[in-house]
Amino acid sequence: MNRTPLNHGEIPRIGADKMALPKGIQRTRSLPDPALGALWDSIILDEQLKSQLLSQAALNFTVRGKVDRTVLPLHGVILLSGAPGTGKTSLARGLAHRTAKLFPTSNFRLLEVEPHSLTSSAMGKTQRAVSDLFSQAIAEAATGGPTIVLLDEVETLAADRSKMSLEANPIDIHRATDAVLVQLDALAEQFPQLLFLATSNFPEAVDSAFMSRCDLVLQIPLPDGKACGQILSDCLTGLGQTYSGISKLIISPQFERCAQGCVGLDGRAIRKVVANALASTPETAMDPNKVTPDHLLQAIQAAKQHRSTKGKA
């Protein structure tokens, strides 16, 4: 099959000049991409949830083009919601890689959208930018072959209109959400080989009409005690490759206490706790091999205290 080349040319490498990309597209990648596979592996999550995600994504590329939408009204949209730091964006990028690996004869592409670049205070410009992004840039990419689009912080583009005040919010924000919904319907009809992976820290801020178009809404939970231990162990093991003394923390009798102490923190926060432990004193900062379980426990307690104080603010 002949593939229509995109106007913005070859897929740029990370860090390449983004001026060649259409407005709203932050980055494009060819898939599969082993770097994204590493992200998938780094997110400690119940394997059943990962399997459910991968299965839903695969279904998009096997069934949608063969079954009438009156039978299965699939829109090709998956929403990952959850607290900040739970790995939603990394999981979405990794999912794109794993999905492409299931179809080795197809040339997949990943587009990452920068939603904040589409908003404007000028009347009509946000709606126009959103419409152009979907109807031109994304549609053109989908014409070229199987395409996965990452919509990070989707509440920026599909804000809940029922919670908006026309006095406090410009009418353009309402119209932008309208544009997203119209374009999702049009693209779902035209391109069965197109999949949107959306993320949101605040699903209650996402418009209900967008939610109804999602084929799967998956809540990414905070890690439980076992997952906290895995994240902590993974982080310490990685550091141990550079600072061998850190590896001893994993076999310390206090390791399990550290892991259980992390319950209530997200994965990103747990890794930052380790960094905070390394910075406990000038001595540990200069030589991380000197970090002890007590340093870890103090850093965990400080992180939990900060979270508790923030929650009361």
Protein backbone atom coordinates (compact mmCIF):
# COMPACT_ATOMS: atom_id res chain seq x y z
CA MET A 1 0.00 0.00 0.00
CA ASN A 2 1.32 3.45 -0.90
CA ARG A 3 1.73 5.67 2.12
CA THR A 4 1.16 9.41 1.91
CA PRO A 5 4.18 11.26 3.34
CA LEU A 6 3.51 13.80 6.06
CA ASN A 7 4.07 17.45 5.19
CA HIS A 8 6.36 17.88 8.17
CA GLY A 9 8.82 15.40 6.72
CA GLU A 10 10.88 12.76 8.41
CA ILE A 11 10.32 11.77 12.01
CA PRO A 12 12.70 13.93 14.04
CA ARG A 13 14.92 12.47 16.71
CA ILE A 14 14.34 13.45 20.30
CA GLY A 15 15.65 16.95 20.77
CA ALA A 16 15.46 17.70 17.04
CA ASP A 17 14.11 21.01 15.79
CA LYS A 18 10.38 21.03 16.59
CA MET A 19 9.70 23.88 14.19
CA ALA A 20 9.07 21.30 11.46
CA LEU A 21 6.12 19.83 13.38
CA PRO A 22 2.52 21.05 13.07
CA LYS A 23 1.19 23.21 15.89
CA GLY A 24 0.14 21.05 18.82
CA ILE A 25 2.42 18.12 17.96
CA GLN A 26 5.32 18.01 20.38
CA ARG A 27 7.08 14.94 19.03
CA THR A 28 6.67 12.04 16.63
CA ARG A 29 8.34 8.62 16.80
CA SER A 30 8.36 5.50 14.72
CA LEU A 31 7.27 2.37 16.54
CA PRO A 32 8.24 0.04 18.04
CA ASP A 33 10.85 1.95 20.06
CA PRO A 34 12.91 -0.01 22.65
CA ALA A 35 13.34 3.13 24.77
CA LEU A 36 9.57 3.19 25.25
CA GLY A 37 9.62 -0.51 26.02
CA ALA A 38 11.93 0.28 28.94
CA LEU A 39 9.33 2.74 30.21
CA TRP A 40 6.65 0.04 30.11
CA ASP A 41 8.86 -2.28 32.13
CA SER A 42 9.75 0.43 34.65
CA ILE A 43 6.12 1.04 35.67
CA ILE A 44 5.32 -1.32 38.53
CA LEU A 45 1.66 -2.15 38.04
CA ASP A 46 -0.57 -5.19 38.45
CA GLU A 47 0.13 -7.36 35.41
CA GLN A 48 -3.59 -7.92 34.93
CA LEU A 49 -4.07 -4.17 34.42
CA LYS A 50 -1.19 -4.06 31.95
CA SER A 51 -2.66 -7.02 30.10
CA GLN A 52 -6.07 -5.33 29.98
CA LEU A 53 -4.51 -2.19 28.52
CA LEU A 54 -2.55 -4.06 25.88
CA SER A 55 -5.55 -6.18 24.93
CA GLN A 56 -7.79 -3.13 24.50
CA ALA A 57 -5.16 -1.41 22.34
CA ALA A 58 -4.71 -4.52 20.21
CA LEU A 59 -8.48 -4.81 19.73
CA ASN A 60 -8.48 -1.34 18.24
CA PHE A 61 -6.24 -2.47 15.39
CA THR A 62 -7.83 -5.89 14.80
CA VAL A 63 -11.59 -5.39 15.15
CA ARG A 64 -12.48 -1.76 14.49
CA GLY A 65 -11.86 -1.92 10.77
CA LYS A 66 -13.89 -5.11 10.37
CA VAL A 67 -17.02 -4.51 12.45
CA ASP A 68 -19.60 -1.82 11.82
CA ARG A 69 -19.70 0.90 14.47
CA THR A 70 -23.43 0.36 14.90
CA VAL A 71 -22.49 -3.04 16.30
CA LEU A 72 -19.45 -1.99 18.34
CA PRO A 73 -19.27 1.80 18.78
CA LEU A 74 -15.50 1.92 19.26
CA HIS A 75 -13.92 5.37 19.12
CA GLY A 76 -10.31 4.29 19.53
CA VAL A 77 -9.80 6.15 22.82
CA ILE A 78 -8.24 4.85 26.04
CA LEU A 79 -8.12 7.09 29.12
CA LEU A 80 -5.62 6.55 31.94
CA SER A 81 -6.52 8.47 35.08
CA GLY A 82 -4.93 8.69 38.48
CA ALA A 83 -2.88 10.78 40.84
CA PRO A 84 0.20 12.64 39.56
CA GLY A 85 3.31 10.48 39.65
CA THR A 86 1.59 7.13 39.08
CA GLY A 87 3.27 6.73 35.68
CA LYS A 88 0.33 7.33 33.34
CA THR A 89 2.30 9.08 30.62
CA SER A 90 5.18 6.60 30.74
CA LEU A 91 2.68 3.75 30.69
CA ALA A 92 0.93 5.24 27.65
CA ARG A 93 4.22 5.61 25.77
CA GLY A 94 5.21 2.07 26.70
CA LEU A 95 1.79 0.81 25.61
CA ALA A 96 2.33 2.37 22.19
CA HIS A 97 5.57 0.40 21.84
CA ARG A 98 4.07 -2.87 23.04
CA THR A 99 1.06 -2.50 20.74
CA ALA A 100 3.26 -1.90 17.70
CA LYS A 101 5.29 -5.01 18.56
CA LEU A 102 2.12 -7.10 18.19
CA PHE A 103 1.94 -6.07 14.51
CA PRO A 104 5.50 -6.53 13.20
CA THR A 105 4.54 -6.07 9.54
CA SER A 106 2.95 -2.65 10.12
CA ASN A 107 4.71 0.70 10.37
CA PHE A 108 3.30 2.36 13.46
CA ARG A 109 3.79 6.00 14.41
CA LEU A 110 3.38 7.77 17.73
CA LEU A 111 2.33 11.42 17.90
CA GLU A 112 2.60 13.27 21.20
CA VAL A 113 0.30 16.26 21.57
CA GLU A 114 1.22 19.38 23.55
CA PRO A 115 -2.26 20.63 24.57
CA HIS A 116 -1.10 23.87 26.19
CA SER A 117 0.31 25.12 22.89
CA LEU A 118 -3.21 25.14 21.42
CA THR A 119 -4.84 27.51 23.89
CA SER A 120 -5.18 31.19 23.08
CA SER A 121 -6.86 34.21 24.63
CA ALA A 122 -7.97 35.38 21.18
CA MET A 123 -11.57 34.53 20.34
CA GLY A 124 -11.88 31.49 18.09
CA LYS A 125 -8.17 30.66 17.94
CA THR A 126 -8.23 27.77 20.42
CA GLN A 127 -11.14 26.12 18.65
CA ARG A 128 -9.47 26.60 15.27
CA ALA A 129 -6.14 25.24 16.52
CA VAL A 130 -7.83 22.15 17.98
CA SER A 131 -9.80 21.53 14.79
CA ASP A 132 -6.68 21.90 12.65
CA LEU A 133 -4.71 19.54 14.88
CA PHE A 134 -7.25 16.75 14.60
CA SER A 135 -8.60 17.25 11.08
CA GLN A 136 -5.23 17.97 9.45
CA ALA A 137 -2.13 16.87 11.38
CA ILE A 138 -3.57 13.77 13.05
CA ALA A 139 -5.74 12.80 10.07
CA GLU A 140 -2.79 13.10 7.72
CA ALA A 141 -0.64 10.92 9.95
CA ALA A 142 -3.42 8.31 10.16
CA THR A 143 -3.62 8.29 6.36
CA GLY A 144 -0.02 7.12 6.35
CA GLY A 145 -0.61 4.02 8.44
CA PRO A 146 -1.39 2.80 11.99
CA THR A 147 -1.11 5.77 14.33
CA ILE A 148 -1.20 6.19 18.10
CA VAL A 149 -1.73 9.66 19.57
CA LEU A 150 -0.81 10.58 23.14
CA LEU A 151 -3.13 13.23 24.60
CA ASP A 152 -1.52 14.15 27.91
CA GLU A 153 -3.59 16.17 30.39
CA VAL A 154 -6.65 15.73 28.20
CA GLU A 155 -8.76 17.92 30.52
CA THR A 156 -6.94 20.85 28.90
CA LEU A 157 -8.60 20.03 25.56
CA ALA A 158 -11.85 18.46 26.76
CA ALA A 159 -12.78 20.43 29.86
CA ASP A 160 -16.07 19.62 31.55
CA ARG A 161 -18.47 22.17 30.08
CA SER A 162 -21.08 21.59 32.79
CA LYS A 163 -18.69 23.00 35.39
CA MET A 164 -17.80 26.12 33.43
CA SER A 165 -19.23 29.55 33.93
CA LEU A 166 -19.54 31.61 30.76
CA GLU A 167 -18.62 34.66 32.82
CA ALA A 168 -15.44 33.09 34.21
CA ASN A 169 -14.45 31.01 31.16
CA PRO A 170 -14.17 32.27 27.59
CA ILE A 171 -16.69 30.78 25.19
CA ASP A 172 -13.72 29.59 23.14
CA ILE A 173 -12.91 26.96 25.79
CA HIS A 174 -16.44 25.56 25.41
CA ARG A 175 -16.05 25.53 21.64
CA ALA A 176 -12.66 23.82 21.89
CA THR A 177 -14.28 20.92 23.75
CA ASP A 178 -17.00 20.83 21.11
CA ALA A 179 -14.31 20.67 18.42
CA VAL A 180 -12.54 17.77 20.13
CA LEU A 181 -15.76 15.75 20.28
CA VAL A 182 -16.71 16.46 16.67
CA GLN A 183 -13.24 15.53 15.46
CA LEU A 184 -13.09 12.34 17.53
CA ASP A 185 -16.33 11.19 15.91
CA ALA A 186 -15.08 12.04 12.42
CA LEU A 187 -11.70 10.37 12.91
CA ALA A 188 -13.28 7.26 14.45
CA GLU A 189 -15.41 6.91 11.33
CA GLN A 190 -12.57 7.46 8.86
CA PHE A 191 -9.52 5.85 10.50
CA PRO A 192 -9.96 2.51 12.29
CA GLN A 193 -6.15 2.28 12.49
CA LEU A 194 -5.99 5.30 14.81
CA LEU A 195 -5.79 5.06 18.61
CA PHE A 196 -5.81 7.88 21.16
CA LEU A 197 -4.15 7.32 24.53
CA ALA A 198 -5.32 10.07 26.89
CA THR A 199 -4.17 10.78 30.43
CA SER A 200 -5.69 12.88 33.19
CA ASN A 201 -4.75 13.73 36.76
CA PHE A 202 -8.26 15.13 37.24
CA PRO A 203 -10.84 12.90 35.50
CA GLU A 204 -13.61 14.83 37.22
CA ALA A 205 -12.54 17.82 35.10
CA VAL A 206 -12.93 15.90 31.82
CA ASP A 207 -16.13 16.46 29.87
CA SER A 208 -18.64 13.63 30.27
CA ALA A 209 -19.17 13.46 26.50
CA PHE A 210 -15.46 12.75 26.06
CA MET A 211 -15.61 10.09 28.78
CA SER A 212 -18.52 8.42 26.98
CA ARG A 213 -16.39 8.11 23.86
CA CYS A 214 -13.61 6.26 25.70
CA ASP A 215 -13.47 2.55 24.95
CA LEU A 216 -11.66 1.98 28.25
CA VAL A 217 -11.18 4.20 31.30
CA LEU A 218 -8.54 2.76 33.59
CA GLN A 219 -7.69 4.14 37.01
CA ILE A 220 -3.97 3.79 37.75
CA PRO A 221 -3.76 3.23 41.51
CA LEU A 222 -1.09 4.24 43.98
CA PRO A 223 1.31 1.32 44.58
CA ASP A 224 0.46 -1.09 47.39
CA GLY A 225 3.06 -2.41 49.84
CA LYS A 226 4.37 -5.05 47.44
CA ALA A 227 4.63 -2.60 44.55
CA CYS A 228 6.33 -0.03 46.81
CA GLY A 229 8.95 -2.63 47.65
CA GLN A 230 9.48 -3.41 43.96
CA ILE A 231 9.85 0.28 43.05
CA LEU A 232 12.25 0.91 45.94
CA SER A 233 14.27 -2.19 45.10
CA ASP A 234 14.42 -1.28 41.41
CA CYS A 235 15.67 2.22 42.24
CA LEU A 236 18.29 1.00 44.73
CA THR A 237 19.45 -1.74 42.36
CA GLY A 238 19.96 0.80 39.61
CA LEU A 239 21.94 3.08 41.92
CA GLY A 240 23.92 0.07 43.10
CA GLN A 241 25.39 -0.32 39.63
CA THR A 242 27.21 2.97 40.20
CA TYR A 243 27.51 3.00 43.99
CA SER A 244 27.90 -0.59 45.12
CA GLY A 245 27.37 0.24 48.79
CA ILE A 246 23.75 1.16 48.11
CA SER A 247 22.94 -2.43 47.13
CA LYS A 248 23.27 -3.48 50.77
CA LEU A 249 20.12 -1.53 51.61
CA ILE A 250 18.01 -4.07 49.71
CA ILE A 251 19.09 -6.91 52.00
CA SER A 252 18.87 -4.81 55.14
CA PRO A 253 16.44 -6.04 57.84
CA GLN A 254 14.88 -2.57 57.64
CA PHE A 255 14.12 -2.73 53.93
CA GLU A 256 10.60 -4.09 54.42
CA ARG A 257 9.90 -1.32 56.92
CA CYS A 258 11.04 1.21 54.33
CA ALA A 259 8.84 -0.38 51.66
CA GLN A 260 5.75 -0.38 53.87
CA GLY A 261 6.51 3.19 54.90
CA CYS A 262 6.21 4.21 51.26
CA VAL A 263 2.57 3.13 51.04
CA GLY A 264 0.56 6.22 50.16
CA LEU A 265 3.28 7.66 47.95
CA ASP A 266 3.25 7.44 44.16
CA GLY A 267 6.03 5.81 42.18
CA ARG A 268 7.72 9.09 41.30
CA ALA A 269 7.65 10.20 44.93
CA ILE A 270 9.24 6.93 46.05
CA ARG A 271 12.17 7.42 43.68
CA LYS A 272 12.51 11.03 44.84
CA VAL A 273 12.59 9.77 48.43
CA VAL A 274 15.73 7.84 47.53
CA ALA A 275 17.24 10.99 46.05
CA ASN A 276 16.34 12.87 49.25
CA ALA A 277 18.03 10.15 51.29
CA LEU A 278 21.20 10.58 49.24
CA ALA A 279 21.06 14.29 50.10
CA SER A 280 20.50 13.69 53.81
CA THR A 281 23.94 15.07 54.73
CA PRO A 282 26.92 16.56 52.91
CA GLU A 283 28.71 13.26 53.55
CA THR A 284 26.06 11.11 51.84
CA ALA A 285 25.76 13.60 49.00
CA MET A 286 29.49 13.40 48.39
CA ASP A 287 29.54 9.61 48.80
CA PRO A 288 26.14 7.89 48.31
CA ASN A 289 27.68 4.62 49.52
CA LYS A 290 27.27 6.02 53.05
CA VAL A 291 23.45 6.09 52.86
CA THR A 292 21.79 3.96 55.54
CA PRO A 293 18.28 2.59 56.06
CA ASP A 294 17.78 5.32 58.67
CA HIS A 295 18.42 7.96 56.01
CA LEU A 296 15.77 6.29 53.85
CA LEU A 297 13.25 6.11 56.69
CA GLN A 298 13.78 9.78 57.56
CA ALA A 299 13.27 10.77 53.91
CA ILE A 300 10.11 8.65 53.70
CA GLN A 301 8.74 10.20 56.88
CA ALA A 302 9.45 13.70 55.57
CA ALA A 303 7.69 12.93 52.26
CA LYS A 304 4.64 11.54 54.05
CA GLN A 305 4.57 14.53 56.38
CA HIS A 306 4.74 16.92 53.44
CA ARG A 307 1.90 15.09 51.70
CA SER A 308 -0.21 15.13 54.84
CA THR A 309 0.38 18.83 55.37
CA LYS A 310 -0.37 19.60 51.74
CA GLY A 311 -3.62 17.65 51.94
CA LYS A 312 -4.81 19.81 54.83
CA ALA A 313 -3.93 23.08 53.12
